[in-house]
Amino acid sequence: MQELTPLAYVITMKVNRLFCLLFALLIFVFTIVAASAEDFSDGLYARNACVFNVEYHKMVYGKHESEKVSPGQTAKIMTAIIAMEYYKNNPEELIEISSDALKGIYKTTVLDVKAGEKVPAKDLINSMLISGANDSANALAIAISGSITAFAQTMNERATEIGATSTHFTCPTGLDGNGAYTTAYDIAVISAYAYTMDGFMDICNTRAYNTSPTDISESKRVFTRNYLISSGTTAKYYNTDASGILVGYTDDSNWCLVTSPKSGSFQYIIVCMNCDDSNNINVYYDANALIKWCKNAYSIYKVLDSSVILGSLPVELCSVRNQVSVSCESDFYSFLPVDYDKTDIRTELVPEKETLTAPIVKRQCVGKVKVYYKNQYLGESNLVSNIDAPLSSSKELWHSLVEIMTSKVALITIISIVVLAIAVFMVRYVVIIRRAGAKSNKK
């Protein structure tokens, strides 16, 4: 092996150091890029977004989720809820298409039904959710409520009942944005409710559907417009973890998307709204990024251990102690971020009364313990005593005497005796004075 000259050695060392520096810089840049990929507040194309957990009915991520925006195509989720509930027991019921159902939908997505045509309710519901058919939505609305306006009122009432309190719909299709508004959070709440309905997700996950032939038309085949669940048109947005629910565009709302991925044992609702597009439908990139994030974002953790003492409560009438230690009745679990800090967990002891009264037995419920994470209420558990607090007979007797002496009956009795004594004294005093006066007169 040839020995390096001093100059060659110096050059070699400098090259090695430069290589190491460049390698470290590359790792640093990669780390920054990787971290910023999940900085959704800045990275999402959609202006409004919400990720909502179905099982715990809890928002786990939001971006302008409470800002009022046009509902756009997401209005059809509310329409589907009402229609599926209305026709639950008779999905085959024939609905005669009104001419009013065909107004205002020119050059939009339709099933292409004709006025006077009789179509089964299930075909209208399926075509509305799968392909976004606006004539189907209008036909359902008129059949259920008599008019578009009346149905919109029903939509708003039902939305409030579900928990969407910042929403106002004006039509079943979402095409009319005049005066209509909602929030990404409200759409997540509405979608979480719809998710629990029998058959809803089956429809939303259908890639193609054949309607029944009618008295006017042959069977029609409709296809999903949701590229998350179908690669028939393009595969670049397709995601095997995605499930339903709806994608659509209107001039008022821009692109809106609602999907429901399952991550591990948890089910989520992802809502992206008010998203502009360029050469791509960017709302799909947002959805895929949020689906990936959901996989490792939250989990179930034991927040309180039943074997850990949470504090102590004062106890009276006990012969051996004046306090008892307390803990939660059973282990307390909660749905939390994977990177949550235990120091952010706070407990509040709520005893049945400020001072407990003996006898207290071990494991006896003596109140509640409320649990908070960053001031967010997580829930509560029974608070139980860890030890016995036996009753002292002498203290109980004294306590009883004090209670008797300080009771209203005792006070009234004492006052009555005092008043009676004073009255007797005054009578005696008057009698003595009169007798003394009588003797003086005799003399």
Protein backbone atom coordinates (compact mmCIF):
# COMPACT_ATOMS: atom_id res chain seq x y z
CA MET A 1 0.00 0.00 0.00
CA GLN A 2 1.41 3.35 -1.06
CA GLU A 3 1.96 5.81 1.75
CA LEU A 4 0.23 9.21 1.40
CA THR A 5 2.37 12.31 1.25
CA PRO A 6 1.66 14.99 3.87
CA LEU A 7 -0.10 17.15 1.26
CA ALA A 8 -2.22 14.24 0.00
CA TYR A 9 -3.11 13.33 3.57
CA VAL A 10 -4.30 16.88 4.31
CA ILE A 11 -6.35 16.96 1.11
CA THR A 12 -7.88 13.56 1.90
CA MET A 13 -8.88 14.66 5.41
CA LYS A 14 -10.49 17.83 4.11
CA VAL A 15 -12.45 15.89 1.50
CA ASN A 16 -13.68 13.46 4.20
CA ARG A 17 -14.74 16.33 6.44
CA LEU A 18 -16.54 18.01 3.56
CA PHE A 19 -18.33 14.74 2.73
CA CYS A 20 -19.39 14.32 6.37
CA LEU A 21 -20.63 17.91 6.48
CA LEU A 22 -22.65 17.48 3.31
CA PHE A 23 -24.10 14.19 4.59
CA ALA A 24 -25.14 15.80 7.87
CA LEU A 25 -26.67 18.72 5.99
CA LEU A 26 -28.61 16.31 3.79
CA ILE A 27 -30.01 14.51 6.83
CA PHE A 28 -30.97 17.84 8.40
CA VAL A 29 -32.78 19.01 5.26
CA PHE A 30 -34.58 15.66 4.98
CA THR A 31 -35.67 15.93 8.60
CA ILE A 32 -37.04 19.44 8.07
CA VAL A 33 -38.93 18.38 4.96
CA ALA A 34 -40.33 15.31 6.68
CA ALA A 35 -41.50 17.35 9.67
CA SER A 36 -43.12 20.01 7.52
CA ALA A 37 -45.03 17.35 5.58
CA GLU A 38 -47.31 16.93 8.61
CA ASP A 39 -47.61 20.62 9.38
CA PHE A 40 -51.11 20.51 7.93
CA SER A 41 -52.07 24.01 9.01
CA ASP A 42 -49.64 25.36 6.42
CA GLY A 43 -49.41 22.35 4.10
CA LEU A 44 -53.04 21.58 3.25
CA TYR A 45 -54.49 23.00 0.06
CA ALA A 46 -57.98 23.15 1.57
CA ARG A 47 -58.74 26.26 3.60
CA ASN A 48 -61.01 24.32 5.96
CA ALA A 49 -60.46 20.83 7.32
CA CYS A 50 -61.49 18.59 10.18
CA VAL A 51 -60.56 15.10 11.35
CA PHE A 52 -63.18 13.58 13.63
CA ASN A 53 -63.09 10.30 15.55
CA VAL A 54 -66.33 8.34 15.27
CA GLU A 55 -66.01 6.11 18.36
CA TYR A 56 -65.23 8.91 20.80
CA HIS A 57 -67.14 11.64 18.91
CA LYS A 58 -64.09 13.87 19.14
CA MET A 59 -62.28 16.23 16.80
CA VAL A 60 -58.58 15.32 16.64
CA TYR A 61 -57.45 17.88 14.06
CA GLY A 62 -58.88 21.09 12.70
CA LYS A 63 -57.94 23.89 10.32
CA HIS A 64 -60.42 26.78 10.31
CA GLU A 65 -62.92 24.05 11.18
CA SER A 66 -65.42 26.53 12.68
CA GLU A 67 -65.32 29.02 9.81
CA LYS A 68 -68.61 29.25 7.93
CA VAL A 69 -68.36 28.17 4.29
CA SER A 70 -70.70 27.09 1.54
CA PRO A 71 -71.67 23.42 2.01
CA GLY A 72 -71.55 22.57 -1.69
CA GLN A 73 -71.92 18.87 -2.45
CA THR A 74 -71.68 17.94 1.25
CA ALA A 75 -75.34 18.99 1.57
CA LYS A 76 -76.19 15.66 -0.09
CA ILE A 77 -75.02 13.81 3.04
CA MET A 78 -77.78 15.52 5.02
CA THR A 79 -80.25 14.80 2.22
CA ALA A 80 -79.25 11.12 2.29
CA ILE A 81 -79.74 10.90 6.07
CA ILE A 82 -83.29 12.21 5.85
CA ALA A 83 -84.16 10.10 2.80
CA MET A 84 -82.73 6.88 4.25
CA GLU A 85 -84.61 7.42 7.49
CA TYR A 86 -87.83 8.27 5.63
CA TYR A 87 -87.71 5.26 3.29
CA LYS A 88 -86.06 2.87 5.74
CA ASN A 89 -88.99 0.45 5.78
CA ASN A 90 -89.90 0.84 2.11
CA PRO A 91 -86.82 1.53 -0.07
CA GLU A 92 -88.65 0.20 -3.14
CA GLU A 93 -91.37 2.85 -2.91
CA LEU A 94 -91.88 4.48 -6.31
CA ILE A 95 -91.37 8.24 -6.47
CA GLU A 96 -92.97 10.14 -9.33
CA ILE A 97 -90.55 12.71 -10.66
CA SER A 98 -91.91 16.26 -10.46
CA SER A 99 -91.02 18.86 -13.09
CA ASP A 100 -89.80 21.05 -10.22
CA ALA A 101 -87.14 18.43 -9.47
CA LEU A 102 -85.56 19.10 -12.86
CA LYS A 103 -85.24 22.86 -12.50
CA GLY A 104 -81.91 24.60 -11.91
CA ILE A 105 -79.72 21.57 -12.65
CA TYR A 106 -78.86 22.21 -16.30
CA LYS A 107 -75.30 21.13 -17.14
CA THR A 108 -74.80 19.46 -13.78
CA THR A 109 -74.47 15.79 -12.82
CA VAL A 110 -77.84 14.04 -13.15
CA LEU A 111 -79.41 10.59 -13.34
CA ASP A 112 -81.38 11.95 -16.29
CA VAL A 113 -84.84 11.05 -15.06
CA LYS A 114 -87.91 12.46 -16.80
CA ALA A 115 -90.91 14.31 -15.42
CA GLY A 116 -93.64 11.81 -14.62
CA GLU A 117 -91.21 8.90 -14.42
CA LYS A 118 -91.61 6.65 -11.40
CA VAL A 119 -88.31 5.67 -9.80
CA PRO A 120 -87.67 3.55 -6.67
CA ALA A 121 -86.45 5.59 -3.71
CA LYS A 122 -83.36 3.39 -3.32
CA ASP A 123 -82.25 4.18 -6.90
CA LEU A 124 -82.53 7.91 -6.23
CA ILE A 125 -80.58 7.61 -2.96
CA ASN A 126 -77.86 5.45 -4.53
CA SER A 127 -77.41 7.62 -7.62
CA MET A 128 -77.28 10.77 -5.47
CA LEU A 129 -74.54 9.45 -3.17
CA ILE A 130 -72.55 7.47 -5.75
CA SER A 131 -72.51 9.83 -8.71
CA GLY A 132 -73.85 13.05 -7.16
CA ALA A 133 -77.07 13.10 -9.22
CA ASN A 134 -78.80 16.41 -8.54
CA ASP A 135 -82.17 15.44 -10.06
CA SER A 136 -82.27 12.48 -7.68
CA ALA A 137 -81.66 14.77 -4.68
CA ASN A 138 -84.42 17.16 -5.75
CA ALA A 139 -86.86 14.33 -6.42
CA LEU A 140 -86.32 12.88 -2.95
CA ALA A 141 -86.74 16.28 -1.32
CA ILE A 142 -90.04 17.04 -3.07
CA ALA A 143 -91.39 13.54 -2.43
CA ILE A 144 -90.62 13.80 1.30
CA SER A 145 -91.52 17.41 2.11
CA GLY A 146 -93.57 18.66 -0.84
CA SER A 147 -91.11 21.33 -1.93
CA ILE A 148 -87.42 22.20 -1.98
CA THR A 149 -87.96 25.00 0.54
CA ALA A 150 -89.83 22.78 2.98
CA PHE A 151 -87.19 20.07 2.68
CA ALA A 152 -84.41 22.59 3.39
CA GLN A 153 -86.19 23.45 6.62
CA THR A 154 -86.27 19.76 7.50
CA MET A 155 -82.54 19.53 6.73
CA ASN A 156 -81.79 22.37 9.13
CA GLU A 157 -83.93 20.95 11.91
CA ARG A 158 -82.38 17.50 11.55
CA ALA A 159 -78.86 18.96 11.40
CA THR A 160 -79.43 20.77 14.70
CA GLU A 161 -80.73 17.56 16.29
CA ILE A 162 -77.58 15.72 15.19
CA GLY A 163 -75.35 18.44 16.67
CA ALA A 164 -74.50 20.62 13.68
CA THR A 165 -75.40 23.97 15.21
CA SER A 166 -73.56 26.25 12.77
CA THR A 167 -75.24 25.01 9.59
CA HIS A 168 -77.98 26.38 7.36
CA PHE A 169 -78.98 24.54 4.19
CA THR A 170 -81.09 26.07 1.42
CA CYS A 171 -81.46 23.09 -0.93
CA PRO A 172 -80.86 19.32 -1.05
CA THR A 173 -78.18 19.44 -3.77
CA GLY A 174 -75.81 22.08 -2.42
CA LEU A 175 -75.84 23.83 -5.80
CA ASP A 176 -77.58 26.91 -4.44
CA GLY A 177 -75.00 28.61 -2.27
CA ASN A 178 -77.12 31.73 -1.72
CA GLY A 179 -77.50 31.97 2.06
CA ALA A 180 -76.34 28.40 2.73
CA TYR A 181 -73.46 27.85 5.14
CA THR A 182 -71.85 25.20 7.29
CA THR A 183 -68.46 24.40 8.84
CA ALA A 184 -65.98 21.60 8.35
CA TYR A 185 -66.68 20.55 11.93
CA ASP A 186 -70.44 20.40 11.38
CA ILE A 187 -70.02 18.32 8.22
CA ALA A 188 -67.81 15.95 10.21
CA VAL A 189 -70.51 15.62 12.89
CA ILE A 190 -73.21 15.02 10.26
CA SER A 191 -71.02 12.49 8.44
CA ALA A 192 -70.18 10.66 11.68
CA TYR A 193 -73.90 10.25 12.28
CA ALA A 194 -74.49 9.05 8.73
CA TYR A 195 -71.62 6.58 9.11
CA THR A 196 -73.57 4.75 11.82
CA MET A 197 -76.69 4.31 9.66
CA ASP A 198 -77.33 0.87 8.21
CA GLY A 199 -76.36 0.76 4.55
CA PHE A 200 -74.96 4.28 4.27
CA MET A 201 -71.30 3.34 3.89
CA ASP A 202 -72.21 0.42 1.62
CA ILE A 203 -73.66 2.93 -0.81
CA CYS A 204 -70.77 5.37 -0.46
CA ASN A 205 -68.25 2.60 -1.21
CA THR A 206 -70.08 1.40 -4.33
CA ARG A 207 -68.06 2.01 -7.50
CA ALA A 208 -70.87 1.30 -9.97
CA TYR A 209 -74.62 0.85 -9.59
CA ASN A 210 -77.41 -0.26 -11.91
CA THR A 211 -80.81 1.34 -11.46
CA SER A 212 -84.03 -0.54 -12.07
CA PRO A 213 -85.80 -0.05 -15.40
CA THR A 214 -88.87 2.19 -15.14
CA ASP A 215 -92.04 2.74 -17.13
CA ILE A 216 -90.11 5.27 -19.22
CA SER A 217 -86.40 4.42 -19.12
CA GLU A 218 -84.12 1.42 -19.33
CA SER A 219 -81.78 0.56 -16.48
CA LYS A 220 -79.02 3.12 -16.03
CA ARG A 221 -75.49 2.48 -14.78
CA VAL A 222 -73.92 5.16 -12.59
CA PHE A 223 -70.29 5.36 -11.49
CA THR A 224 -68.61 6.84 -8.46
CA ARG A 225 -66.84 10.17 -8.86
CA ASN A 226 -64.66 9.46 -5.84
CA TYR A 227 -61.11 8.74 -7.02
CA LEU A 228 -60.05 7.73 -3.51
CA ILE A 229 -62.00 4.49 -3.81
CA SER A 230 -61.86 3.91 -7.57
CA SER A 231 -58.92 3.81 -9.95
CA GLY A 232 -61.08 3.46 -13.07
CA THR A 233 -60.43 7.02 -14.26
CA THR A 234 -57.08 7.67 -12.61
CA ALA A 235 -54.99 5.79 -10.08
CA LYS A 236 -52.93 8.69 -8.71
CA TYR A 237 -55.42 9.50 -5.95
CA TYR A 238 -56.50 5.95 -5.12
CA ASN A 239 -56.05 4.89 -1.48
CA THR A 240 -56.86 1.42 -0.17
CA ASP A 241 -57.35 2.86 3.33
CA ALA A 242 -60.09 5.24 2.17
CA SER A 243 -63.78 4.51 2.57
CA GLY A 244 -66.44 6.66 0.84
CA ILE A 245 -67.99 9.16 1.34
CA LEU A 246 -68.37 12.03 -1.13
CA VAL A 247 -66.38 14.34 -3.41
CA GLY A 248 -67.71 17.27 -5.41
CA TYR A 249 -67.25 20.79 -6.72
CA THR A 250 -69.42 23.90 -6.98
CA ASP A 251 -68.49 27.47 -7.81
CA ASP A 252 -69.47 28.60 -4.30
CA SER A 253 -67.72 25.87 -2.32
CA ASN A 254 -64.81 24.88 -4.58
CA TRP A 255 -63.72 21.27 -4.07
CA CYS A 256 -65.09 19.47 -1.01
CA LEU A 257 -64.29 15.94 0.12
CA VAL A 258 -65.50 13.70 2.93
CA THR A 259 -63.97 10.28 3.55
CA SER A 260 -63.81 7.78 6.39
CA PRO A 261 -60.53 5.88 6.78
CA LYS A 262 -60.06 3.18 9.38
CA SER A 263 -56.73 3.42 11.19
CA GLY A 264 -56.08 0.43 13.40
CA SER A 265 -59.11 0.02 15.63
CA PHE A 266 -60.28 3.62 15.19
CA GLN A 267 -62.67 5.06 12.65
CA TYR A 268 -62.27 8.64 11.47
CA ILE A 269 -64.16 11.15 9.38
CA ILE A 270 -61.97 13.44 7.26
CA VAL A 271 -63.49 16.62 5.85
CA CYS A 272 -61.66 18.95 3.43
CA MET A 273 -63.55 22.00 2.15
CA ASN A 274 -63.00 25.11 0.08
CA CYS A 275 -60.05 23.71 -1.87
CA ASP A 276 -58.85 25.27 -5.14
CA ASP A 277 -57.47 23.08 -7.90
CA SER A 278 -54.66 23.61 -10.39
CA ASN A 279 -53.58 20.85 -12.74
CA ASN A 280 -54.61 18.31 -10.11
CA ILE A 281 -57.55 17.91 -7.78
CA ASN A 282 -55.59 18.99 -4.73
CA VAL A 283 -58.30 18.00 -2.26
CA TYR A 284 -57.29 14.36 -2.87
CA TYR A 285 -53.71 15.11 -1.84
CA ASP A 286 -55.05 16.65 1.36
CA ALA A 287 -57.20 13.60 2.05
CA ASN A 288 -54.34 11.18 1.47
CA ALA A 289 -52.03 13.19 3.72
CA LEU A 290 -54.62 13.20 6.52
CA ILE A 291 -55.35 9.49 6.06
CA LYS A 292 -51.63 8.78 6.53
CA TRP A 293 -51.51 11.05 9.59
CA CYS A 294 -54.49 9.29 11.20
CA LYS A 295 -52.65 5.98 11.31
CA ASN A 296 -50.27 7.05 14.08
CA ALA A 297 -51.90 10.14 15.54
CA TYR A 298 -54.02 8.85 18.43
CA SER A 299 -54.30 5.84 20.67
CA ILE A 300 -55.86 4.65 23.94
CA TYR A 301 -53.83 5.28 27.08
CA LYS A 302 -54.27 4.52 30.76
CA VAL A 303 -54.53 7.97 32.30
CA LEU A 304 -55.31 6.97 35.89
CA ASP A 305 -54.24 3.82 37.73
CA SER A 306 -56.66 2.55 40.35
CA SER A 307 -53.73 1.60 42.59
CA VAL A 308 -52.40 5.17 42.73
CA ILE A 309 -53.52 7.43 45.59
CA LEU A 310 -55.01 10.67 44.26
CA GLY A 311 -55.27 12.48 47.58
CA SER A 312 -57.08 12.39 50.91
CA LEU A 313 -60.38 13.63 52.28
CA PRO A 314 -61.22 14.72 55.85
CA VAL A 315 -63.42 12.41 57.91
CA GLU A 316 -65.23 13.04 61.19
CA LEU A 317 -66.43 10.77 64.05
CA CYS A 318 -63.61 8.30 63.44
CA SER A 319 -61.66 6.89 66.40
CA VAL A 320 -58.37 6.28 64.61
CA ARG A 321 -57.96 8.86 61.82
CA ASN A 322 -59.22 12.18 60.59
CA GLN A 323 -58.46 11.61 56.90
CA VAL A 324 -58.84 8.79 54.36
CA SER A 325 -56.79 8.35 51.19
CA VAL A 326 -58.74 8.00 47.94
CA SER A 327 -58.21 6.70 44.40
CA CYS A 328 -60.28 6.04 41.29
CA GLU A 329 -62.51 2.98 41.42
CA SER A 330 -61.01 1.43 38.27
CA ASP A 331 -58.29 2.21 35.75
CA PHE A 332 -59.25 5.21 33.60
CA TYR A 333 -58.44 5.08 29.88
CA SER A 334 -58.73 7.87 27.34
CA PHE A 335 -58.30 8.58 23.62
CA LEU A 336 -55.23 10.83 23.36
CA PRO A 337 -52.49 11.96 20.95
CA VAL A 338 -49.57 9.53 20.77
CA ASP A 339 -47.19 12.28 21.89
CA TYR A 340 -49.29 13.52 24.80
CA ASP A 341 -47.43 14.70 27.90
CA LYS A 342 -48.51 13.14 31.19
CA THR A 343 -47.93 16.47 32.91
CA ASP A 344 -50.86 17.86 30.91
CA ILE A 345 -53.25 15.46 32.67
CA ARG A 346 -55.13 17.11 35.55
CA THR A 347 -57.57 15.60 38.05
CA GLU A 348 -60.25 17.26 40.15
CA LEU A 349 -61.60 15.50 43.23
CA VAL A 350 -65.31 16.06 43.80
CA PRO A 351 -66.27 14.48 47.17
CA GLU A 352 -69.89 13.80 48.08
CA LYS A 353 -69.47 16.38 50.86
CA GLU A 354 -66.61 18.50 52.16
CA THR A 355 -66.10 16.32 55.26
CA LEU A 356 -66.92 12.62 55.18
CA THR A 357 -68.66 10.99 58.11
CA ALA A 358 -67.58 7.68 59.65
CA PRO A 359 -68.08 4.82 59.30
CA ILE A 360 -66.26 4.57 55.95
CA VAL A 361 -65.31 1.16 54.59
CA LYS A 362 -62.53 0.38 52.14
CA ARG A 363 -63.57 0.74 48.44
CA GLN A 364 -66.63 2.77 49.41
CA CYS A 365 -67.61 5.38 46.84
CA VAL A 366 -67.09 8.83 48.36
CA GLY A 367 -67.40 11.05 45.28
CA LYS A 368 -66.11 11.52 41.74
CA VAL A 369 -62.77 12.28 40.11
CA LYS A 370 -62.91 14.41 36.95
CA VAL A 371 -60.09 14.08 34.44
CA TYR A 372 -58.80 16.80 32.10
CA TYR A 373 -56.19 16.98 29.35
CA LYS A 374 -54.98 20.53 28.67
CA ASN A 375 -58.24 21.78 30.23
CA GLN A 376 -60.22 19.49 27.91
CA TYR A 377 -62.68 17.36 29.86
CA LEU A 378 -61.99 13.64 29.30
CA GLY A 379 -64.52 12.09 31.66
CA GLU A 380 -64.93 11.00 35.26
CA SER A 381 -64.71 7.95 37.51
CA ASN A 382 -65.98 7.01 40.95
CA LEU A 383 -63.73 8.08 43.82
CA VAL A 384 -63.28 5.39 46.48
CA SER A 385 -61.69 5.19 49.92
CA ASN A 386 -58.52 3.11 50.23
CA ILE A 387 -58.94 2.38 53.95
CA ASP A 388 -61.57 1.92 56.65
CA ALA A 389 -62.59 4.75 58.95
CA PRO A 390 -64.47 3.11 61.87
CA LEU A 391 -67.03 5.04 63.90
CA SER A 392 -66.13 6.23 67.43
CA SER A 393 -69.05 5.60 69.86
CA SER A 394 -68.06 8.43 72.20
CA LYS A 395 -67.62 10.88 69.35
CA GLU A 396 -70.93 9.77 67.86
CA LEU A 397 -72.67 10.33 71.24
CA TRP A 398 -71.14 13.76 71.65
CA HIS A 399 -71.97 14.60 68.04
CA SER A 400 -75.56 13.50 68.58
CA LEU A 401 -75.85 15.65 71.71
CA VAL A 402 -74.44 18.65 69.86
CA GLU A 403 -76.86 18.06 67.01
CA ILE A 404 -79.77 17.77 69.43
CA MET A 405 -78.72 20.90 71.30
CA THR A 406 -78.28 22.86 68.09
CA SER A 407 -81.39 21.58 66.38
CA LYS A 408 -84.37 23.84 65.76
CA VAL A 409 -86.56 21.86 68.17
CA ALA A 410 -83.98 22.20 70.94
CA LEU A 411 -83.54 25.91 70.29
CA ILE A 412 -87.31 26.48 70.31
CA THR A 413 -87.62 24.45 73.52
CA ILE A 414 -84.82 26.40 75.25
CA ILE A 415 -86.23 29.73 74.13
CA SER A 416 -89.70 28.68 75.31
CA ILE A 417 -88.32 27.67 78.72
CA VAL A 418 -86.44 30.95 79.04
CA VAL A 419 -89.50 32.97 78.03
CA LEU A 420 -91.67 30.95 80.44
CA ALA A 421 -89.14 31.45 83.25
CA ILE A 422 -89.07 35.17 82.61
CA ALA A 423 -92.87 35.27 82.57
CA VAL A 424 -93.07 33.33 85.87
CA PHE A 425 -90.45 35.63 87.37
CA MET A 426 -92.36 38.72 86.26
CA VAL A 427 -95.63 37.34 87.65
CA ARG A 428 -93.95 36.49 90.95
CA TYR A 429 -92.37 39.93 91.00
CA VAL A 430 -95.71 41.66 90.43
CA VAL A 431 -97.38 39.53 93.13
CA ILE A 432 -94.63 40.32 95.64
CA ILE A 433 -94.86 44.04 94.88
CA ARG A 434 -98.64 44.03 95.30
CA ARG A 435 -98.42 42.14 98.58
CA ALA A 436 -95.83 44.58 99.84
CA GLY A 437 -98.11 47.50 98.89
CA ALA A 438 -101.10 45.89 100.64
CA LYS A 439 -99.16 45.48 103.89
CA SER A 440 -98.08 49.13 103.73
CA ASN A 441 -101.71 50.26 103.37
CA LYS A 442 -102.83 48.21 106.41
CA LYS A 443 -100.28 49.94 108.56
